[in-house]
Amino acid sequence: MPQTMYTAAEMSSFGRYLLSEERTARIDAMWKEGDPISKEERRREVYQADWENWQIYEGKREEQAAREAYHNEQFEKRDQTL
């Protein structure tokens, strides 16, 4: 599986998103009474949805798709030469 590299600025931005009021509001809106995981625990943990929401929040989804397409293309080219 290809690895994607992110800059320190991008990772800092993701960290700020994890601490943001927007993320807290999303968790609060999605949480239901009787949910086996408390709101507090959901806020402490990091989920795939957080990564995807951050990409939307920062407009990174298209950039990520382009990176993945590039890496997939490079692996296909490499595999064809083997």
PDB file of N, CA and C in Angstrom:
ATOM      1  N   MET A   1       0.843  -1.177   0.000  1.00  0.00           N
ATOM      2  CA  MET A   1       0.000   0.000   0.000  1.00  0.00           C
ATOM      3  C   MET A   1       0.891   1.243   0.000  1.00  0.00           C
ATOM      4  N   PRO A   2       0.614   2.185  -0.883  1.00  0.00           N
ATOM      5  CA  PRO A   2       1.453   3.382  -0.942  1.00  0.00           C
ATOM      6  C   PRO A   2       1.273   4.243   0.305  1.00  0.00           C
ATOM      7  N   GLN A   3       2.347   4.888   0.687  1.00  0.00           N
ATOM      8  CA  GLN A   3       2.299   5.796   1.826  1.00  0.00           C
ATOM      9  C   GLN A   3       2.204   7.226   1.316  1.00  0.00           C
ATOM     10  N   THR A   4       1.454   8.030   2.013  1.00  0.00           N
ATOM     11  CA  THR A   4       1.327   9.433   1.670  1.00  0.00           C
ATOM     12  C   THR A   4       2.025  10.251   2.740  1.00  0.00           C
ATOM     13  N   MET A   5       2.819  11.198   2.305  1.00  0.00           N
ATOM     14  CA  MET A   5       3.537  12.053   3.246  1.00  0.00           C
ATOM     15  C   MET A   5       2.768  13.358   3.421  1.00  0.00           C
ATOM     16  N   TYR A   6       2.747  13.847   4.634  1.00  0.00           N
ATOM     17  CA  TYR A   6       2.093  15.117   4.936  1.00  0.00           C
ATOM     18  C   TYR A   6       3.110  16.046   5.572  1.00  0.00           C
ATOM     19  N   THR A   7       2.913  17.316   5.358  1.00  0.00           N
ATOM     20  CA  THR A   7       3.826  18.307   5.924  1.00  0.00           C
ATOM     21  C   THR A   7       3.508  18.523   7.397  1.00  0.00           C
ATOM     22  N   ALA A   8       4.454  19.129   8.091  1.00  0.00           N
ATOM     23  CA  ALA A   8       4.227  19.470   9.497  1.00  0.00           C
ATOM     24  C   ALA A   8       3.052  20.433   9.620  1.00  0.00           C
ATOM     25  N   ALA A   9       2.912  21.335   8.674  1.00  0.00           N
ATOM     26  CA  ALA A   9       1.804  22.289   8.708  1.00  0.00           C
ATOM     27  C   ALA A   9       0.460  21.569   8.575  1.00  0.00           C
ATOM     28  N   GLU A  10       0.410  20.564   7.683  1.00  0.00           N
ATOM     29  CA  GLU A  10      -0.831  19.801   7.525  1.00  0.00           C
ATOM     30  C   GLU A  10      -1.162  19.009   8.785  1.00  0.00           C
ATOM     31  N   MET A  11      -0.163  18.394   9.386  1.00  0.00           N
ATOM     32  CA  MET A  11      -0.410  17.631  10.606  1.00  0.00           C
ATOM     33  C   MET A  11      -0.808  18.544  11.756  1.00  0.00           C
ATOM     34  N   SER A  12      -0.219  19.740  11.818  1.00  0.00           N
ATOM     35  CA  SER A  12      -0.624  20.712  12.836  1.00  0.00           C
ATOM     36  C   SER A  12      -2.064  21.147  12.620  1.00  0.00           C
ATOM     37  N   SER A  13      -2.430  21.322  11.365  1.00  0.00           N
ATOM     38  CA  SER A  13      -3.804  21.693  11.035  1.00  0.00           C
ATOM     39  C   SER A  13      -4.771  20.593  11.473  1.00  0.00           C
ATOM     40  N   PHE A  14      -4.401  19.338  11.250  1.00  0.00           N
ATOM     41  CA  PHE A  14      -5.235  18.222  11.678  1.00  0.00           C
ATOM     42  C   PHE A  14      -5.376  18.218  13.202  1.00  0.00           C
ATOM     43  N   GLY A  15      -4.283  18.460  13.897  1.00  0.00           N
ATOM     44  CA  GLY A  15      -4.333  18.538  15.360  1.00  0.00           C
ATOM     45  C   GLY A  15      -5.259  19.643  15.844  1.00  0.00           C
ATOM     46  N   ARG A  16      -5.193  20.792  15.183  1.00  0.00           N
ATOM     47  CA  ARG A  16      -6.100  21.889  15.559  1.00  0.00           C
ATOM     48  C   ARG A  16      -7.552  21.498  15.301  1.00  0.00           C
ATOM     49  N   TYR A  17      -7.786  20.780  14.196  1.00  0.00           N
ATOM     50  CA  TYR A  17      -9.146  20.322  13.912  1.00  0.00           C
ATOM     51  C   TYR A  17      -9.639  19.390  15.024  1.00  0.00           C
ATOM     52  N   LEU A  18      -8.766  18.487  15.504  1.00  0.00           N
ATOM     53  CA  LEU A  18      -9.167  17.562  16.567  1.00  0.00           C
ATOM     54  C   LEU A  18      -9.584  18.296  17.836  1.00  0.00           C
ATOM     55  N   LEU A  19      -9.010  19.463  18.055  1.00  0.00           N
ATOM     56  CA  LEU A  19      -9.328  20.252  19.247  1.00  0.00           C
ATOM     57  C   LEU A  19     -10.402  21.310  18.999  1.00  0.00           C
ATOM     58  N   SER A  20     -10.921  21.358  17.787  1.00  0.00           N
ATOM     59  CA  SER A  20     -11.828  22.436  17.397  1.00  0.00           C
ATOM     60  C   SER A  20     -13.242  22.272  17.957  1.00  0.00           C
ATOM     61  N   GLU A  21     -13.923  23.393  18.042  1.00  0.00           N
ATOM     62  CA  GLU A  21     -15.331  23.390  18.448  1.00  0.00           C
ATOM     63  C   GLU A  21     -16.183  22.684  17.394  1.00  0.00           C
ATOM     64  N   GLU A  22     -15.787  22.774  16.128  1.00  0.00           N
ATOM     65  CA  GLU A  22     -16.540  22.105  15.058  1.00  0.00           C
ATOM     66  C   GLU A  22     -16.565  20.590  15.280  1.00  0.00           C
ATOM     67  N   ARG A  23     -15.415  20.027  15.621  1.00  0.00           N
ATOM     68  CA  ARG A  23     -15.369  18.579  15.868  1.00  0.00           C
ATOM     69  C   ARG A  23     -16.201  18.225  17.084  1.00  0.00           C
ATOM     70  N   THR A  24     -16.077  19.001  18.151  1.00  0.00           N
ATOM     71  CA  THR A  24     -16.872  18.745  19.355  1.00  0.00           C
ATOM     72  C   THR A  24     -18.355  18.797  19.034  1.00  0.00           C
ATOM     73  N   ALA A  25     -18.760  19.773  18.242  1.00  0.00           N
ATOM     74  CA  ALA A  25     -20.168  19.894  17.862  1.00  0.00           C
ATOM     75  C   ALA A  25     -20.612  18.687  17.036  1.00  0.00           C
ATOM     76  N   ARG A  26     -19.764  18.206  16.144  1.00  0.00           N
ATOM     77  CA  ARG A  26     -20.110  17.010  15.348  1.00  0.00           C
ATOM     78  C   ARG A  26     -20.325  15.804  16.257  1.00  0.00           C
ATOM     79  N   ILE A  27     -19.416  15.614  17.190  1.00  0.00           N
ATOM     80  CA  ILE A  27     -19.530  14.484  18.114  1.00  0.00           C
ATOM     81  C   ILE A  27     -20.811  14.607  18.925  1.00  0.00           C
ATOM     82  N   ASP A  28     -21.064  15.789  19.461  1.00  0.00           N
ATOM     83  CA  ASP A  28     -22.273  16.000  20.261  1.00  0.00           C
ATOM     84  C   ASP A  28     -23.532  15.741  19.446  1.00  0.00           C
ATOM     85  N   ALA A  29     -23.528  16.154  18.177  1.00  0.00           N
ATOM     86  CA  ALA A  29     -24.701  15.976  17.324  1.00  0.00           C
ATOM     87  C   ALA A  29     -24.930  14.504  16.980  1.00  0.00           C
ATOM     88  N   MET A  30     -23.860  13.743  16.856  1.00  0.00           N
ATOM     89  CA  MET A  30     -23.980  12.341  16.461  1.00  0.00           C
ATOM     90  C   MET A  30     -24.230  11.400  17.644  1.00  0.00           C
ATOM     91  N   TRP A  31     -23.867  11.834  18.843  1.00  0.00           N
ATOM     92  CA  TRP A  31     -23.971  10.975  20.017  1.00  0.00           C
ATOM     93  C   TRP A  31     -25.432  10.791  20.407  1.00  0.00           C
ATOM     94  N   LYS A  32     -25.794   9.539  20.748  1.00  0.00           N
ATOM     95  CA  LYS A  32     -27.151   9.217  21.165  1.00  0.00           C
ATOM     96  C   LYS A  32     -27.131   8.666  22.584  1.00  0.00           C
ATOM     97  N   GLU A  33     -28.179   8.951  23.336  1.00  0.00           N
ATOM     98  CA  GLU A  33     -28.333   8.405  24.687  1.00  0.00           C
ATOM     99  C   GLU A  33     -28.271   6.884  24.605  1.00  0.00           C
ATOM    100  N   GLY A  34     -27.499   6.282  25.482  1.00  0.00           N
ATOM    101  CA  GLY A  34     -27.355   4.832  25.481  1.00  0.00           C
ATOM    102  C   GLY A  34     -26.215   4.339  24.598  1.00  0.00           C
ATOM    103  N   ASP A  35     -25.538   5.256  23.908  1.00  0.00           N
ATOM    104  CA  ASP A  35     -24.382   4.893  23.089  1.00  0.00           C
ATOM    105  C   ASP A  35     -23.341   4.255  24.020  1.00  0.00           C
ATOM    106  N   PRO A  36     -22.754   3.125  23.626  1.00  0.00           N
ATOM    107  CA  PRO A  36     -21.804   2.457  24.521  1.00  0.00           C
ATOM    108  C   PRO A  36     -20.513   3.247  24.762  1.00  0.00           C
ATOM    109  N   ILE A  37     -20.235   4.229  23.926  1.00  0.00           N
ATOM    110  CA  ILE A  37     -19.041   5.056  24.107  1.00  0.00           C
ATOM    111  C   ILE A  37     -19.505   6.466  24.485  1.00  0.00           C
ATOM    112  N   SER A  38     -19.005   6.963  25.591  1.00  0.00           N
ATOM    113  CA  SER A  38     -19.418   8.287  26.068  1.00  0.00           C
ATOM    114  C   SER A  38     -18.915   9.397  25.142  1.00  0.00           C
ATOM    115  N   LYS A  39     -19.544  10.555  25.250  1.00  0.00           N
ATOM    116  CA  LYS A  39     -19.090  11.717  24.466  1.00  0.00           C
ATOM    117  C   LYS A  39     -17.638  12.043  24.795  1.00  0.00           C
ATOM    118  N   GLU A  40     -17.305  11.978  26.069  1.00  0.00           N
ATOM    119  CA  GLU A  40     -15.950  12.315  26.495  1.00  0.00           C
ATOM    120  C   GLU A  40     -14.924  11.373  25.862  1.00  0.00           C
ATOM    121  N   GLU A  41     -15.259  10.075  25.823  1.00  0.00           N
ATOM    122  CA  GLU A  41     -14.337   9.116  25.216  1.00  0.00           C
ATOM    123  C   GLU A  41     -14.224   9.355  23.715  1.00  0.00           C
ATOM    124  N   ARG A  42     -15.332   9.652  23.066  1.00  0.00           N
ATOM    125  CA  ARG A  42     -15.296   9.939  21.622  1.00  0.00           C
ATOM    126  C   ARG A  42     -14.411  11.153  21.343  1.00  0.00           C
ATOM    127  N   ARG A  43     -14.439  12.139  22.227  1.00  0.00           N
ATOM    128  CA  ARG A  43     -13.598  13.334  22.037  1.00  0.00           C
ATOM    129  C   ARG A  43     -12.118  13.013  22.227  1.00  0.00           C
ATOM    130  N   ARG A  44     -11.815  12.039  23.089  1.00  0.00           N
ATOM    131  CA  ARG A  44     -10.410  11.674  23.341  1.00  0.00           C
ATOM    132  C   ARG A  44      -9.813  10.841  22.221  1.00  0.00           C
ATOM    133  N   GLU A  45     -10.634  10.055  21.547  1.00  0.00           N
ATOM    134  CA  GLU A  45     -10.152   9.151  20.506  1.00  0.00           C
ATOM    135  C   GLU A  45     -10.131   9.852  19.146  1.00  0.00           C
ATOM    136  N   VAL A  46      -9.336   9.320  18.236  1.00  0.00           N
ATOM    137  CA  VAL A  46      -9.265   9.837  16.867  1.00  0.00           C
ATOM    138  C   VAL A  46      -9.775   8.741  15.940  1.00  0.00           C
ATOM    139  N   TYR A  47     -10.641   9.133  15.027  1.00  0.00           N
ATOM    140  CA  TYR A  47     -11.295   8.174  14.150  1.00  0.00           C
ATOM    141  C   TYR A  47     -11.010   8.503  12.682  1.00  0.00           C
ATOM    142  N   GLN A  48     -11.226   7.512  11.824  1.00  0.00           N
ATOM    143  CA  GLN A  48     -11.094   7.724  10.377  1.00  0.00           C
ATOM    144  C   GLN A  48     -11.988   8.880   9.939  1.00  0.00           C
ATOM    145  N   ALA A  49     -13.176   8.964  10.523  1.00  0.00           N
ATOM    146  CA  ALA A  49     -14.102  10.053  10.174  1.00  0.00           C
ATOM    147  C   ALA A  49     -13.489  11.415  10.480  1.00  0.00           C
ATOM    148  N   ASP A  50     -12.676  11.505  11.535  1.00  0.00           N
ATOM    149  CA  ASP A  50     -12.003  12.773  11.845  1.00  0.00           C
ATOM    150  C   ASP A  50     -11.077  13.164  10.703  1.00  0.00           C
ATOM    151  N   TRP A  51     -10.323  12.196  10.204  1.00  0.00           N
ATOM    152  CA  TRP A  51      -9.395  12.456   9.099  1.00  0.00           C
ATOM    153  C   TRP A  51     -10.163  12.935   7.874  1.00  0.00           C
ATOM    154  N   GLU A  52     -11.257  12.238   7.547  1.00  0.00           N
ATOM    155  CA  GLU A  52     -12.049  12.601   6.378  1.00  0.00           C
ATOM    156  C   GLU A  52     -12.720  13.969   6.559  1.00  0.00           C
ATOM    157  N   ASN A  53     -13.241  14.226   7.746  1.00  0.00           N
ATOM    158  CA  ASN A  53     -13.866  15.529   8.005  1.00  0.00           C
ATOM    159  C   ASN A  53     -12.844  16.654   7.943  1.00  0.00           C
ATOM    160  N   TRP A  54     -11.626  16.404   8.434  1.00  0.00           N
ATOM    161  CA  TRP A  54     -10.578  17.421   8.347  1.00  0.00           C
ATOM    162  C   TRP A  54     -10.252  17.717   6.889  1.00  0.00           C
ATOM    163  N   GLN A  55     -10.180  16.668   6.053  1.00  0.00           N
ATOM    164  CA  GLN A  55      -9.885  16.887   4.643  1.00  0.00           C
ATOM    165  C   GLN A  55     -10.958  17.758   3.994  1.00  0.00           C
ATOM    166  N   ILE A  56     -12.200  17.522   4.347  1.00  0.00           N
ATOM    167  CA  ILE A  56     -13.287  18.366   3.833  1.00  0.00           C
ATOM    168  C   ILE A  56     -13.141  19.776   4.381  1.00  0.00           C
ATOM    169  N   TYR A  57     -12.914  19.873   5.683  1.00  0.00           N
ATOM    170  CA  TYR A  57     -12.783  21.150   6.379  1.00  0.00           C
ATOM    171  C   TYR A  57     -11.675  22.006   5.760  1.00  0.00           C
ATOM    172  N   GLU A  58     -10.576  21.372   5.402  1.00  0.00           N
ATOM    173  CA  GLU A  58      -9.426  22.092   4.843  1.00  0.00           C
ATOM    174  C   GLU A  58      -9.384  22.059   3.316  1.00  0.00           C
ATOM    175  N   GLY A  59     -10.387  21.450   2.695  1.00  0.00           N
ATOM    176  CA  GLY A  59     -10.392  21.349   1.240  1.00  0.00           C
ATOM    177  C   GLY A  59      -9.319  20.414   0.723  1.00  0.00           C
ATOM    178  N   LYS A  60      -8.950  19.419   1.513  1.00  0.00           N
ATOM    179  CA  LYS A  60      -7.852  18.524   1.164  1.00  0.00           C
ATOM    180  C   LYS A  60      -8.327  17.260   0.443  1.00  0.00           C
ATOM    181  N   ARG A  61      -9.628  17.012   0.375  1.00  0.00           N
ATOM    182  CA  ARG A  61     -10.099  15.755  -0.194  1.00  0.00           C
ATOM    183  C   ARG A  61      -9.627  15.573  -1.630  1.00  0.00           C
ATOM    184  N   GLU A  62      -9.727  16.610  -2.444  1.00  0.00           N
ATOM    185  CA  GLU A  62      -9.288  16.509  -3.832  1.00  0.00           C
ATOM    186  C   GLU A  62      -7.780  16.286  -3.912  1.00  0.00           C
ATOM    187  N   GLU A  63      -7.059  16.971  -3.032  1.00  0.00           N
ATOM    188  CA  GLU A  63      -5.597  16.822  -2.998  1.00  0.00           C
ATOM    189  C   GLU A  63      -5.220  15.391  -2.622  1.00  0.00           C
ATOM    190  N   GLN A  64      -5.906  14.819  -1.643  1.00  0.00           N
ATOM    191  CA  GLN A  64      -5.641  13.446  -1.224  1.00  0.00           C
ATOM    192  C   GLN A  64      -5.950  12.472  -2.354  1.00  0.00           C
ATOM    193  N   ALA A  65      -7.056  12.673  -3.042  1.00  0.00           N
ATOM    194  CA  ALA A  65      -7.424  11.797  -4.161  1.00  0.00           C
ATOM    195  C   ALA A  65      -6.362  11.863  -5.259  1.00  0.00           C
ATOM    196  N   ALA A  66      -5.852  13.057  -5.516  1.00  0.00           N
ATOM    197  CA  ALA A  66      -4.815  13.215  -6.532  1.00  0.00           C
ATOM    198  C   ALA A  66      -3.532  12.497  -6.107  1.00  0.00           C
ATOM    199  N   ARG A  67      -3.156  12.602  -4.836  1.00  0.00           N
ATOM    200  CA  ARG A  67      -1.966  11.912  -4.339  1.00  0.00           C
ATOM    201  C   ARG A  67      -2.118  10.399  -4.492  1.00  0.00           C
ATOM    202  N   GLU A  68      -3.291   9.883  -4.089  1.00  0.00           N
ATOM    203  CA  GLU A  68      -3.523   8.441  -4.173  1.00  0.00           C
ATOM    204  C   GLU A  68      -3.491   7.973  -5.631  1.00  0.00           C
ATOM    205  N   ALA A  69      -4.092   8.740  -6.525  1.00  0.00           N
ATOM    206  CA  ALA A  69      -4.092   8.371  -7.940  1.00  0.00           C
ATOM    207  C   ALA A  69      -2.661   8.341  -8.477  1.00  0.00           C
ATOM    208  N   TYR A  70      -1.863   9.331  -8.095  1.00  0.00           N
ATOM    209  CA  TYR A  70      -0.467   9.377  -8.539  1.00  0.00           C
ATOM    210  C   TYR A  70       0.294   8.149  -8.038  1.00  0.00           C
ATOM    211  N   HIS A  71       0.154   7.846  -6.743  1.00  0.00           N
ATOM    212  CA  HIS A  71       0.867   6.703  -6.181  1.00  0.00           C
ATOM    213  C   HIS A  71       0.398   5.394  -6.814  1.00  0.00           C
ATOM    214  N   ASN A  72      -0.893   5.255  -7.020  1.00  0.00           N
ATOM    215  CA  ASN A  72      -1.406   4.042  -7.667  1.00  0.00           C
ATOM    216  C   ASN A  72      -0.852   3.897  -9.075  1.00  0.00           C
ATOM    217  N   GLU A  73      -0.762   5.005  -9.790  1.00  0.00           N
ATOM    218  CA  GLU A  73      -0.215   4.991 -11.149  1.00  0.00           C
ATOM    219  C   GLU A  73       1.251   4.572 -11.122  1.00  0.00           C
ATOM    220  N   GLN A  74       2.000   5.084 -10.156  1.00  0.00           N
ATOM    221  CA  GLN A  74       3.420   4.732 -10.053  1.00  0.00           C
ATOM    222  C   GLN A  74       3.593   3.247  -9.749  1.00  0.00           C
ATOM    223  N   PHE A  75       2.745   2.704  -8.861  1.00  0.00           N
ATOM    224  CA  PHE A  75       2.842   1.285  -8.544  1.00  0.00           C
ATOM    225  C   PHE A  75       2.450   0.420  -9.735  1.00  0.00           C
ATOM    226  N   GLU A  76       1.452   0.850 -10.501  1.00  0.00           N
ATOM    227  CA  GLU A  76       1.060   0.094 -11.695  1.00  0.00           C
ATOM    228  C   GLU A  76       2.204   0.084 -12.720  1.00  0.00           C
ATOM    229  N   LYS A  77       2.839   1.226 -12.908  1.00  0.00           N
ATOM    230  CA  LYS A  77       3.978   1.299 -13.840  1.00  0.00           C
ATOM    231  C   LYS A  77       5.099   0.376 -13.376  1.00  0.00           C
ATOM    232  N   ARG A  78       5.386   0.403 -12.076  1.00  0.00           N
ATOM    233  CA  ARG A  78       6.435  -0.437 -11.526  1.00  0.00           C
ATOM    234  C   ARG A  78       6.090  -1.913 -11.726  1.00  0.00           C
ATOM    235  N   ASP A  79       4.834  -2.268 -11.450  1.00  0.00           N
ATOM    236  CA  ASP A  79       4.415  -3.669 -11.581  1.00  0.00           C
ATOM    237  C   ASP A  79       4.495  -4.135 -13.030  1.00  0.00           C
ATOM    238  N   GLN A  80       4.266  -3.248 -13.964  1.00  0.00           N
ATOM    239  CA  GLN A  80       4.318  -3.633 -15.379  1.00  0.00           C
ATOM    240  C   GLN A  80       5.754  -3.893 -15.831  1.00  0.00           C
ATOM    241  N   THR A  81       6.710  -3.273 -15.178  1.00  0.00           N
ATOM    242  CA  THR A  81       8.108  -3.463 -15.571  1.00  0.00           C
ATOM    243  C   THR A  81       8.736  -4.675 -14.875  1.00  0.00           C
ATOM    244  N   LEU A  82       8.074  -5.228 -13.897  1.00  0.00           N
ATOM    245  CA  LEU A  82       8.641  -6.389 -13.176  1.00  0.00           C
ATOM    246  C   LEU A  82       8.469  -7.666 -13.945  1.00  0.00           C
TER     247      LEU A  82
END
